[in-house]
Each structure stands twice: as structure tokens, then as C-alpha cells.
PDB file of N, CA and C in Angstrom:
ATOM      1  N   MET A   1       0.886  -1.183  -0.051  1.00  0.00           N
ATOM      2  CA  MET A   1      -0.114   0.041   0.038  1.00  0.00           C
ATOM      3  C   MET A   1       0.886   1.402  -0.038  1.00  0.00           C
ATOM      4  N   ALA A   2       0.543   2.321  -0.512  1.00  0.00           N
ATOM      5  CA  ALA A   2       1.216   3.584  -0.723  1.00  0.00           C
ATOM      6  C   ALA A   2       1.316   4.200   0.624  1.00  0.00           C
ATOM      7  N   ASN A   3       2.275   5.192   0.706  1.00  0.00           N
ATOM      8  CA  ASN A   3       2.452   6.109   1.916  1.00  0.00           C
ATOM      9  C   ASN A   3       1.751   7.301   1.713  1.00  0.00           C
ATOM     10  N   ILE A   4       1.844   7.887   0.637  1.00  0.00           N
ATOM     11  CA  ILE A   4       1.436   9.135   0.443  1.00  0.00           C
ATOM     12  C   ILE A   4      -0.225   9.271   0.268  1.00  0.00           C
ATOM     13  N   LYS A   5      -0.745  10.117   0.816  1.00  0.00           N
ATOM     14  CA  LYS A   5      -2.215  10.293   1.054  1.00  0.00           C
ATOM     15  C   LYS A   5      -2.919  10.327  -0.254  1.00  0.00           C
ATOM     16  N   SER A   6      -2.446  11.033  -1.225  1.00  0.00           N
ATOM     17  CA  SER A   6      -2.948  10.945  -2.587  1.00  0.00           C
ATOM     18  C   SER A   6      -2.939   9.689  -3.292  1.00  0.00           C
ATOM     19  N   ALA A   7      -1.915   9.150  -3.126  1.00  0.00           N
ATOM     20  CA  ALA A   7      -1.506   7.678  -3.814  1.00  0.00           C
ATOM     21  C   ALA A   7      -2.528   6.754  -3.160  1.00  0.00           C
ATOM     22  N   LYS A   8      -2.803   6.905  -1.759  1.00  0.00           N
ATOM     23  CA  LYS A   8      -3.664   6.000  -1.199  1.00  0.00           C
ATOM     24  C   LYS A   8      -5.169   6.197  -1.620  1.00  0.00           C
ATOM     25  N   LYS A   9      -5.474   7.360  -1.985  1.00  0.00           N
ATOM     26  CA  LYS A   9      -6.736   7.787  -2.447  1.00  0.00           C
ATOM     27  C   LYS A   9      -6.919   7.207  -3.800  1.00  0.00           C
ATOM     28  N   ARG A  10      -5.913   7.329  -4.637  1.00  0.00           N
ATOM     29  CA  ARG A  10      -5.917   6.623  -5.962  1.00  0.00           C
ATOM     30  C   ARG A  10      -6.029   5.422  -5.981  1.00  0.00           C
ATOM     31  N   ALA A  11      -5.345   4.626  -5.029  1.00  0.00           N
ATOM     32  CA  ALA A  11      -5.453   3.165  -5.067  1.00  0.00           C
ATOM     33  C   ALA A  11      -6.876   2.744  -4.756  1.00  0.00           C
ATOM     34  N   LYS A  12      -7.476   3.482  -3.845  1.00  0.00           N
ATOM     35  CA  LYS A  12      -8.979   3.359  -3.415  1.00  0.00           C
ATOM     36  C   LYS A  12      -9.945   3.433  -4.444  1.00  0.00           C
ATOM     37  N   GLN A  13      -9.592   4.659  -5.228  1.00  0.00           N
ATOM     38  CA  GLN A  13     -10.529   4.822  -6.356  1.00  0.00           C
ATOM     39  C   GLN A  13     -10.278   3.849  -7.472  1.00  0.00           C
ATOM     40  N   SER A  14      -9.033   3.379  -7.782  1.00  0.00           N
ATOM     41  CA  SER A  14      -8.889   2.175  -8.773  1.00  0.00           C
ATOM     42  C   SER A  14      -9.665   0.901  -8.416  1.00  0.00           C
ATOM     43  N   ILE A  15      -9.673   0.684  -7.128  1.00  0.00           N
ATOM     44  CA  ILE A  15     -10.275  -0.411  -6.662  1.00  0.00           C
ATOM     45  C   ILE A  15     -11.848  -0.418  -6.969  1.00  0.00           C
ATOM     46  N   LYS A  16     -12.474   0.723  -6.595  1.00  0.00           N
ATOM     47  CA  LYS A  16     -13.770   0.957  -6.965  1.00  0.00           C
ATOM     48  C   LYS A  16     -14.019   0.940  -8.369  1.00  0.00           C
ATOM     49  N   ARG A  17     -13.260   1.516  -9.096  1.00  0.00           N
ATOM     50  CA  ARG A  17     -13.334   1.630 -10.463  1.00  0.00           C
ATOM     51  C   ARG A  17     -13.567   0.261 -11.133  1.00  0.00           C
ATOM     52  N   ARG A  18     -12.465  -0.553 -10.633  1.00  0.00           N
ATOM     53  CA  ARG A  18     -12.379  -1.825 -11.353  1.00  0.00           C
ATOM     54  C   ARG A  18     -13.564  -2.703 -10.902  1.00  0.00           C
ATOM     55  N   GLU A  19     -14.186  -2.591  -9.932  1.00  0.00           N
ATOM     56  CA  GLU A  19     -15.238  -3.321  -9.309  1.00  0.00           C
ATOM     57  C   GLU A  19     -16.474  -2.840 -10.140  1.00  0.00           C
ATOM     58  N   LYS A  20     -16.652  -1.552 -10.414  1.00  0.00           N
ATOM     59  CA  LYS A  20     -17.766  -1.197 -11.183  1.00  0.00           C
ATOM     60  C   LYS A  20     -17.448  -1.707 -12.703  1.00  0.00           C
ATOM     61  N   ASN A  21     -16.428  -1.460 -13.254  1.00  0.00           N
ATOM     62  CA  ASN A  21     -16.190  -2.113 -14.652  1.00  0.00           C
ATOM     63  C   ASN A  21     -16.436  -3.572 -14.720  1.00  0.00           C
ATOM     64  N   LEU A  22     -16.019  -4.317 -13.901  1.00  0.00           N
ATOM     65  CA  LEU A  22     -16.270  -5.783 -13.828  1.00  0.00           C
ATOM     66  C   LEU A  22     -17.830  -6.035 -13.859  1.00  0.00           C
ATOM     67  N   ASN A  23     -18.541  -5.150 -12.986  1.00  0.00           N
ATOM     68  CA  ASN A  23     -19.950  -5.351 -13.003  1.00  0.00           C
ATOM     69  C   ASN A  23     -20.686  -4.958 -14.303  1.00  0.00           C
ATOM     70  N   ARG A  24     -20.097  -3.870 -14.934  1.00  0.00           N
ATOM     71  CA  ARG A  24     -20.522  -3.552 -16.230  1.00  0.00           C
ATOM     72  C   ARG A  24     -20.415  -4.596 -17.280  1.00  0.00           C
ATOM     73  N   LYS A  25     -19.172  -5.258 -17.257  1.00  0.00           N
ATOM     74  CA  LYS A  25     -18.881  -6.221 -18.119  1.00  0.00           C
ATOM     75  C   LYS A  25     -19.675  -7.532 -17.970  1.00  0.00           C
ATOM     76  N   THR A  26     -19.990  -7.782 -16.599  1.00  0.00           N
ATOM     77  CA  THR A  26     -20.676  -9.130 -16.438  1.00  0.00           C
ATOM     78  C   THR A  26     -22.245  -8.778 -16.871  1.00  0.00           C
ATOM     79  N   ALA A  27     -22.734  -7.543 -16.707  1.00  0.00           N
ATOM     80  CA  ALA A  27     -24.082  -7.173 -17.082  1.00  0.00           C
ATOM     81  C   ALA A  27     -24.187  -7.249 -18.558  1.00  0.00           C
ATOM     82  N   ILE A  28     -23.077  -6.732 -19.272  1.00  0.00           N
ATOM     83  CA  ILE A  28     -23.092  -6.965 -20.676  1.00  0.00           C
ATOM     84  C   ILE A  28     -23.194  -8.372 -21.167  1.00  0.00           C
ATOM     85  N   LYS A  29     -22.131  -9.028 -20.662  1.00  0.00           N
ATOM     86  CA  LYS A  29     -22.392 -10.628 -21.152  1.00  0.00           C
ATOM     87  C   LYS A  29     -23.641 -11.213 -20.814  1.00  0.00           C
ATOM     88  N   SER A  30     -24.348 -10.954 -19.748  1.00  0.00           N
ATOM     89  CA  SER A  30     -25.619 -11.416 -19.311  1.00  0.00           C
ATOM     90  C   SER A  30     -26.696 -10.966 -20.568  1.00  0.00           C
ATOM     91  N   ALA A  31     -26.656  -9.761 -20.725  1.00  0.00           N
ATOM     92  CA  ALA A  31     -27.539  -9.281 -21.609  1.00  0.00           C
ATOM     93  C   ALA A  31     -27.465  -9.769 -23.038  1.00  0.00           C
ATOM     94  N   ILE A  32     -26.063 -10.007 -23.547  1.00  0.00           N
ATOM     95  CA  ILE A  32     -25.789 -10.698 -24.708  1.00  0.00           C
ATOM     96  C   ILE A  32     -26.343 -12.159 -24.699  1.00  0.00           C
ATOM     97  N   ARG A  33     -26.070 -12.875 -23.660  1.00  0.00           N
ATOM     98  CA  ARG A  33     -26.668 -14.323 -23.328  1.00  0.00           C
ATOM     99  C   ARG A  33     -28.234 -14.381 -23.577  1.00  0.00           C
ATOM    100  N   ARG A  34     -28.753 -13.244 -22.962  1.00  0.00           N
ATOM    101  CA  ARG A  34     -30.307 -13.282 -22.865  1.00  0.00           C
ATOM    102  C   ARG A  34     -30.845 -13.187 -24.228  1.00  0.00           C
ATOM    103  N   VAL A  35     -30.262 -12.376 -25.208  1.00  0.00           N
ATOM    104  CA  VAL A  35     -30.548 -12.391 -26.724  1.00  0.00           C
ATOM    105  C   VAL A  35     -30.389 -13.552 -27.230  1.00  0.00           C
ATOM    106  N   GLU A  36     -29.182 -14.106 -27.135  1.00  0.00           N
ATOM    107  CA  GLU A  36     -29.060 -15.372 -27.843  1.00  0.00           C
ATOM    108  C   GLU A  36     -29.900 -16.579 -27.264  1.00  0.00           C
ATOM    109  N   ASP A  37     -30.182 -16.549 -26.096  1.00  0.00           N
ATOM    110  CA  ASP A  37     -31.102 -17.435 -25.405  1.00  0.00           C
ATOM    111  C   ASP A  37     -32.480 -17.367 -26.109  1.00  0.00           C
ATOM    112  N   ALA A  38     -32.962 -16.139 -26.226  1.00  0.00           N
ATOM    113  CA  ALA A  38     -34.272 -15.829 -26.738  1.00  0.00           C
ATOM    114  C   ALA A  38     -34.365 -16.270 -28.192  1.00  0.00           C
ATOM    115  N   LEU A  39     -33.211 -16.206 -28.944  1.00  0.00           N
ATOM    116  CA  LEU A  39     -33.134 -16.647 -30.261  1.00  0.00           C
ATOM    117  C   LEU A  39     -33.372 -18.056 -30.424  1.00  0.00           C
ATOM    118  N   LYS A  40     -32.580 -18.758 -29.618  1.00  0.00           N
ATOM    119  CA  LYS A  40     -32.458 -20.271 -29.466  1.00  0.00           C
ATOM    120  C   LYS A  40     -33.978 -20.754 -28.951  1.00  0.00           C
ATOM    121  N   ALA A  41     -34.595 -20.133 -28.199  1.00  0.00           N
ATOM    122  CA  ALA A  41     -35.898 -20.536 -27.732  1.00  0.00           C
ATOM    123  C   ALA A  41     -37.005 -20.198 -28.591  1.00  0.00           C
ATOM    124  N   GLY A  42     -36.774 -19.473 -29.455  1.00  0.00           N
ATOM    125  CA  GLY A  42     -37.708 -18.896 -30.509  1.00  0.00           C
ATOM    126  C   GLY A  42     -38.852 -18.142 -29.994  1.00  0.00           C
ATOM    127  N   GLU A  43     -38.402 -17.167 -29.162  1.00  0.00           N
ATOM    128  CA  GLU A  43     -39.249 -16.101 -28.539  1.00  0.00           C
ATOM    129  C   GLU A  43     -39.875 -15.275 -29.611  1.00  0.00           C
ATOM    130  N   SER A  44     -40.974 -14.521 -29.227  1.00  0.00           N
ATOM    131  CA  SER A  44     -41.329 -13.481 -30.304  1.00  0.00           C
ATOM    132  C   SER A  44     -40.376 -12.598 -30.699  1.00  0.00           C
ATOM    133  N   LYS A  45     -40.756 -11.971 -31.890  1.00  0.00           N
ATOM    134  CA  LYS A  45     -39.753 -10.980 -32.436  1.00  0.00           C
ATOM    135  C   LYS A  45     -39.663  -9.625 -31.384  1.00  0.00           C
ATOM    136  N   GLU A  46     -40.909  -9.360 -30.902  1.00  0.00           N
ATOM    137  CA  GLU A  46     -40.874  -7.999 -30.154  1.00  0.00           C
ATOM    138  C   GLU A  46     -39.983  -8.182 -28.834  1.00  0.00           C
ATOM    139  N   ALA A  47     -40.174  -9.363 -28.246  1.00  0.00           N
ATOM    140  CA  ALA A  47     -39.334  -9.802 -27.011  1.00  0.00           C
ATOM    141  C   ALA A  47     -37.889  -9.705 -27.370  1.00  0.00           C
ATOM    142  N   THR A  48     -37.456 -10.366 -28.419  1.00  0.00           N
ATOM    143  CA  THR A  48     -36.251 -10.395 -28.688  1.00  0.00           C
ATOM    144  C   THR A  48     -35.601  -8.903 -29.010  1.00  0.00           C
ATOM    145  N   VAL A  49     -36.278  -8.329 -29.828  1.00  0.00           N
ATOM    146  CA  VAL A  49     -35.984  -6.930 -30.115  1.00  0.00           C
ATOM    147  C   VAL A  49     -35.653  -5.965 -28.796  1.00  0.00           C
ATOM    148  N   THR A  50     -36.582  -6.117 -28.038  1.00  0.00           N
ATOM    149  CA  THR A  50     -36.469  -5.510 -26.660  1.00  0.00           C
ATOM    150  C   THR A  50     -35.212  -5.852 -25.954  1.00  0.00           C
ATOM    151  N   LEU A  51     -34.958  -7.122 -25.943  1.00  0.00           N
ATOM    152  CA  LEU A  51     -33.689  -7.536 -25.301  1.00  0.00           C
ATOM    153  C   LEU A  51     -32.500  -7.158 -26.053  1.00  0.00           C
ATOM    154  N   LEU A  52     -32.597  -7.008 -27.477  1.00  0.00           N
ATOM    155  CA  LEU A  52     -31.680  -6.606 -28.140  1.00  0.00           C
ATOM    156  C   LEU A  52     -31.347  -4.954 -27.909  1.00  0.00           C
ATOM    157  N   LYS A  53     -32.202  -4.208 -27.851  1.00  0.00           N
ATOM    158  CA  LYS A  53     -32.091  -2.728 -27.571  1.00  0.00           C
ATOM    159  C   LYS A  53     -31.373  -2.664 -26.111  1.00  0.00           C
ATOM    160  N   ASN A  54     -31.815  -3.512 -25.060  1.00  0.00           N
ATOM    161  CA  ASN A  54     -31.082  -3.429 -23.896  1.00  0.00           C
ATOM    162  C   ASN A  54     -29.788  -3.680 -23.963  1.00  0.00           C
ATOM    163  N   ALA A  55     -29.488  -4.803 -24.709  1.00  0.00           N
ATOM    164  CA  ALA A  55     -28.023  -4.995 -24.870  1.00  0.00           C
ATOM    165  C   ALA A  55     -27.137  -3.880 -25.497  1.00  0.00           C
ATOM    166  N   GLU A  56     -27.857  -3.292 -26.567  1.00  0.00           N
ATOM    167  CA  GLU A  56     -27.050  -2.267 -27.355  1.00  0.00           C
ATOM    168  C   GLU A  56     -26.806  -0.911 -26.337  1.00  0.00           C
ATOM    169  N   ALA A  57     -27.806  -0.773 -25.595  1.00  0.00           N
ATOM    170  CA  ALA A  57     -27.750   0.395 -24.515  1.00  0.00           C
ATOM    171  C   ALA A  57     -26.595   0.073 -23.650  1.00  0.00           C
ATOM    172  N   GLN A  58     -26.554  -1.077 -23.146  1.00  0.00           N
ATOM    173  CA  GLN A  58     -25.441  -1.517 -22.175  1.00  0.00           C
ATOM    174  C   GLN A  58     -24.058  -1.327 -22.794  1.00  0.00           C
ATOM    175  N   LEU A  59     -24.092  -1.865 -24.069  1.00  0.00           N
ATOM    176  CA  LEU A  59     -22.685  -1.841 -24.826  1.00  0.00           C
ATOM    177  C   LEU A  59     -22.304  -0.313 -25.032  1.00  0.00           C
ATOM    178  N   ALA A  60     -23.129   0.412 -25.484  1.00  0.00           N
ATOM    179  CA  ALA A  60     -23.068   1.946 -25.695  1.00  0.00           C
ATOM    180  C   ALA A  60     -22.541   2.551 -24.387  1.00  0.00           C
ATOM    181  N   ARG A  61     -23.152   2.353 -23.283  1.00  0.00           N
ATOM    182  CA  ARG A  61     -22.895   3.009 -22.062  1.00  0.00           C
ATOM    183  C   ARG A  61     -21.357   2.502 -21.720  1.00  0.00           C
ATOM    184  N   ALA A  62     -21.052   1.257 -21.931  1.00  0.00           N
ATOM    185  CA  ALA A  62     -19.532   0.709 -21.544  1.00  0.00           C
ATOM    186  C   ALA A  62     -18.702   1.365 -22.428  1.00  0.00           C
ATOM    187  N   LYS A  63     -19.110   1.736 -23.650  1.00  0.00           N
ATOM    188  CA  LYS A  63     -18.151   2.436 -24.513  1.00  0.00           C
ATOM    189  C   LYS A  63     -17.784   3.801 -24.065  1.00  0.00           C
ATOM    190  N   ASN A  64     -18.920   4.448 -23.714  1.00  0.00           N
ATOM    191  CA  ASN A  64     -18.642   5.977 -23.222  1.00  0.00           C
ATOM    192  C   ASN A  64     -18.083   5.931 -21.937  1.00  0.00           C
ATOM    193  N   LYS A  65     -18.083   4.903 -21.048  1.00  0.00           N
ATOM    194  CA  LYS A  65     -17.402   4.917 -19.816  1.00  0.00           C
ATOM    195  C   LYS A  65     -16.024   4.526 -19.887  1.00  0.00           C
ATOM    196  N   GLY A  66     -15.757   3.937 -21.092  1.00  0.00           N
ATOM    197  CA  GLY A  66     -14.157   3.541 -21.364  1.00  0.00           C
ATOM    198  C   GLY A  66     -14.158   2.086 -21.046  1.00  0.00           C
ATOM    199  N   VAL A  67     -15.033   1.452 -20.668  1.00  0.00           N
ATOM    200  CA  VAL A  67     -14.947  -0.080 -20.299  1.00  0.00           C
ATOM    201  C   VAL A  67     -14.485  -0.988 -21.345  1.00  0.00           C
ATOM    202  N   LEU A  68     -15.189  -0.624 -22.595  1.00  0.00           N
ATOM    203  CA  LEU A  68     -14.962  -1.248 -23.862  1.00  0.00           C
ATOM    204  C   LEU A  68     -14.335  -0.376 -24.829  1.00  0.00           C
ATOM    205  N   HIS A  69     -13.588  -0.780 -25.812  1.00  0.00           N
ATOM    206  CA  HIS A  69     -12.964  -0.104 -26.870  1.00  0.00           C
ATOM    207  C   HIS A  69     -14.307   0.112 -27.861  1.00  0.00           C
ATOM    208  N   ARG A  70     -14.338   1.443 -28.618  1.00  0.00           N
ATOM    209  CA  ARG A  70     -15.405   1.489 -29.332  1.00  0.00           C
ATOM    210  C   ARG A  70     -15.753   0.506 -30.457  1.00  0.00           C
ATOM    211  N   ASN A  71     -14.607  -0.007 -31.078  1.00  0.00           N
ATOM    212  CA  ASN A  71     -14.673  -0.908 -32.123  1.00  0.00           C
ATOM    213  C   ASN A  71     -15.251  -2.415 -31.584  1.00  0.00           C
ATOM    214  N   ASN A  72     -14.885  -2.694 -30.315  1.00  0.00           N
ATOM    215  CA  ASN A  72     -15.312  -3.709 -29.705  1.00  0.00           C
ATOM    216  C   ASN A  72     -16.781  -3.926 -29.448  1.00  0.00           C
ATOM    217  N   SER A  73     -17.238  -2.678 -28.848  1.00  0.00           N
ATOM    218  CA  SER A  73     -18.734  -2.707 -28.831  1.00  0.00           C
ATOM    219  C   SER A  73     -19.422  -2.670 -29.974  1.00  0.00           C
ATOM    220  N   ALA A  74     -19.034  -1.824 -30.883  1.00  0.00           N
ATOM    221  CA  ALA A  74     -19.580  -1.892 -32.294  1.00  0.00           C
ATOM    222  C   ALA A  74     -19.713  -3.261 -32.956  1.00  0.00           C
ATOM    223  N   ARG A  75     -18.810  -3.974 -32.911  1.00  0.00           N
ATOM    224  CA  ARG A  75     -18.610  -5.304 -33.321  1.00  0.00           C
ATOM    225  C   ARG A  75     -19.683  -6.293 -32.690  1.00  0.00           C
ATOM    226  N   LYS A  76     -19.727  -6.142 -31.525  1.00  0.00           N
ATOM    227  CA  LYS A  76     -20.620  -7.036 -30.667  1.00  0.00           C
ATOM    228  C   LYS A  76     -22.102  -6.640 -30.871  1.00  0.00           C
ATOM    229  N   ILE A  77     -22.477  -5.327 -31.148  1.00  0.00           N
ATOM    230  CA  ILE A  77     -23.655  -4.811 -31.503  1.00  0.00           C
ATOM    231  C   ILE A  77     -24.173  -5.319 -32.810  1.00  0.00           C
ATOM    232  N   SER A  78     -23.199  -5.120 -33.669  1.00  0.00           N
ATOM    233  CA  SER A  78     -23.379  -5.718 -35.158  1.00  0.00           C
ATOM    234  C   SER A  78     -23.606  -7.189 -35.204  1.00  0.00           C
ATOM    235  N   SER A  79     -22.903  -7.899 -34.536  1.00  0.00           N
ATOM    236  CA  SER A  79     -23.022  -9.409 -34.588  1.00  0.00           C
ATOM    237  C   SER A  79     -24.296  -9.801 -33.999  1.00  0.00           C
ATOM    238  N   LEU A  80     -24.795  -9.008 -32.808  1.00  0.00           N
ATOM    239  CA  LEU A  80     -26.142  -9.430 -32.283  1.00  0.00           C
ATOM    240  C   LEU A  80     -27.239  -9.003 -33.361  1.00  0.00           C
ATOM    241  N   ALA A  81     -27.168  -7.954 -33.817  1.00  0.00           N
ATOM    242  CA  ALA A  81     -28.243  -7.367 -34.730  1.00  0.00           C
ATOM    243  C   ALA A  81     -28.358  -8.302 -35.995  1.00  0.00           C
ATOM    244  N   LYS A  82     -27.225  -8.823 -36.623  1.00  0.00           N
ATOM    245  CA  LYS A  82     -27.292  -9.726 -37.600  1.00  0.00           C
ATOM    246  C   LYS A  82     -27.963 -11.104 -37.306  1.00  0.00           C
ATOM    247  N   LYS A  83     -27.612 -11.458 -36.149  1.00  0.00           N
ATOM    248  CA  LYS A  83     -28.229 -12.827 -35.585  1.00  0.00           C
ATOM    249  C   LYS A  83     -29.857 -12.584 -35.531  1.00  0.00           C
ATOM    250  N   VAL A  84     -30.194 -11.527 -34.882  1.00  0.00           N
ATOM    251  CA  VAL A  84     -31.636 -11.301 -34.858  1.00  0.00           C
ATOM    252  C   VAL A  84     -32.296 -11.134 -36.083  1.00  0.00           C
ATOM    253  N   ALA A  85     -31.635 -10.299 -36.998  1.00  0.00           N
ATOM    254  CA  ALA A  85     -32.160 -10.070 -38.199  1.00  0.00           C
ATOM    255  C   ALA A  85     -32.405 -11.412 -39.085  1.00  0.00           C
ATOM    256  N   ALA A  86     -31.328 -12.221 -39.118  1.00  0.00           N
ATOM    257  CA  ALA A  86     -31.248 -13.367 -39.904  1.00  0.00           C
ATOM    258  C   ALA A  86     -32.392 -14.427 -39.335  1.00  0.00           C
ATOM    259  N   THR A  87     -32.438 -14.604 -37.837  1.00  0.00           N
ATOM    260  CA  THR A  87     -33.363 -15.469 -37.378  1.00  0.00           C
ATOM    261  C   THR A  87     -34.900 -15.045 -37.905  1.00  0.00           C
ATOM    262  N   TYR A  88     -35.199 -13.877 -37.771  1.00  0.00           N
ATOM    263  CA  TYR A  88     -36.605 -13.455 -38.250  1.00  0.00           C
ATOM    264  C   TYR A  88     -36.791 -13.391 -39.636  1.00  0.00           C
ATOM    265  N   LYS A  89     -35.631 -13.274 -40.500  1.00  0.00           N
ATOM    266  CA  LYS A  89     -35.795 -13.251 -41.945  1.00  0.00           C
ATOM    267  C   LYS A  89     -36.205 -14.737 -42.363  1.00  0.00           C
ATOM    268  N   GLU A  90     -35.416 -15.588 -41.741  1.00  0.00           N
ATOM    269  CA  GLU A  90     -35.874 -17.086 -42.032  1.00  0.00           C
ATOM    270  C   GLU A  90     -37.213 -17.441 -41.535  1.00  0.00           C
ATOM    271  N   GLU A  91     -37.484 -16.932 -40.499  1.00  0.00           N
ATOM    272  CA  GLU A  91     -38.986 -17.196 -39.987  1.00  0.00           C
ATOM    273  C   GLU A  91     -40.055 -16.528 -40.979  1.00  0.00           C
ATOM    274  N   LYS A  92     -39.689 -15.416 -41.404  1.00  0.00           N
ATOM    275  CA  LYS A  92     -40.637 -14.811 -42.272  1.00  0.00           C
ATOM    276  C   LYS A  92     -40.796 -15.530 -43.630  1.00  0.00           C
ATOM    277  N   LYS A  93     -39.543 -16.125 -44.276  1.00  0.00           N
ATOM    278  CA  LYS A  93     -39.710 -16.944 -45.321  1.00  0.00           C
ATOM    279  C   LYS A  93     -40.580 -18.170 -45.121  1.00  0.00           C
ATOM    280  N   GLN A  94     -40.330 -18.854 -44.009  1.00  0.00           N
ATOM    281  CA  GLN A  94     -41.160 -20.169 -43.630  1.00  0.00           C
ATOM    282  C   GLN A  94     -42.663 -19.799 -43.692  1.00  0.00           C
ATOM    283  N   THR A  95     -43.055 -18.643 -43.133  1.00  0.00           N
ATOM    284  CA  THR A  95     -44.441 -18.401 -42.932  1.00  0.00           C
ATOM    285  C   THR A  95     -45.017 -17.968 -44.323  1.00  0.00           C
ATOM    286  N   ALA A  96     -44.224 -17.428 -45.348  1.00  0.00           N
ATOM    287  CA  ALA A  96     -44.663 -17.078 -46.395  1.00  0.00           C
ATOM    288  C   ALA A  96     -44.692 -18.337 -47.349  1.00  0.00           C
ATOM    289  N   ALA A  97     -44.099 -19.341 -47.105  1.00  0.00           N
ATOM    290  CA  ALA A  97     -44.107 -20.544 -48.115  1.00  0.00           C
ATOM    291  C   ALA A  97     -45.208 -21.371 -47.926  1.00  0.00           C
TER     292      ALA A  97
END
């Protein structure tokens, strides 16, 4: 542990920041998993899109807070959106046939 008062404060702040960042990352992973589980379970389009919007919001927040790199969050949002679009595009084809 540091001896200087300001260094002690910075150490405390970095511990708090680390915990918050870990919580944010865990929440993001959970949100992504919820979207993927909804796709696998075949939930309604509205429910899945709502989950997707929630995941996108969390990813954007993490990007703005500096938890994730902007390209990392953009890549995750893009891949989730593609999965959702592809799933419901296939479903639409099957109902039309």
C-alpha cells in the first residue's frame, strides 16, 4: 500500500473503478446471453428486439465509460443485430411458403 495520502486515495479509487467495470462487463455478457437464448428458444420478435435494444444500450454505455473499446462494442452490437435479423428473416420466409 502507498504511503502518500493522494496515492492511497488513487488506490481506493482504482479498486472501486475496477469493481464497477467488472459489474458492467458482467451485465453486458448477461444481456448478450439473454438475446442469444431468446433466439434459440424461438421467442417472439418483439421480446427479442427489446432484449437486443437493452444489450445495445449497455454496450454503448460501456463504450462511453471507457470499459470497452468503441470497435469492440460496435462489433458486438453488429453481430447481435445480424443474428436477430437473420433469425426473423428465415422465420418470415417459412411463414410465406
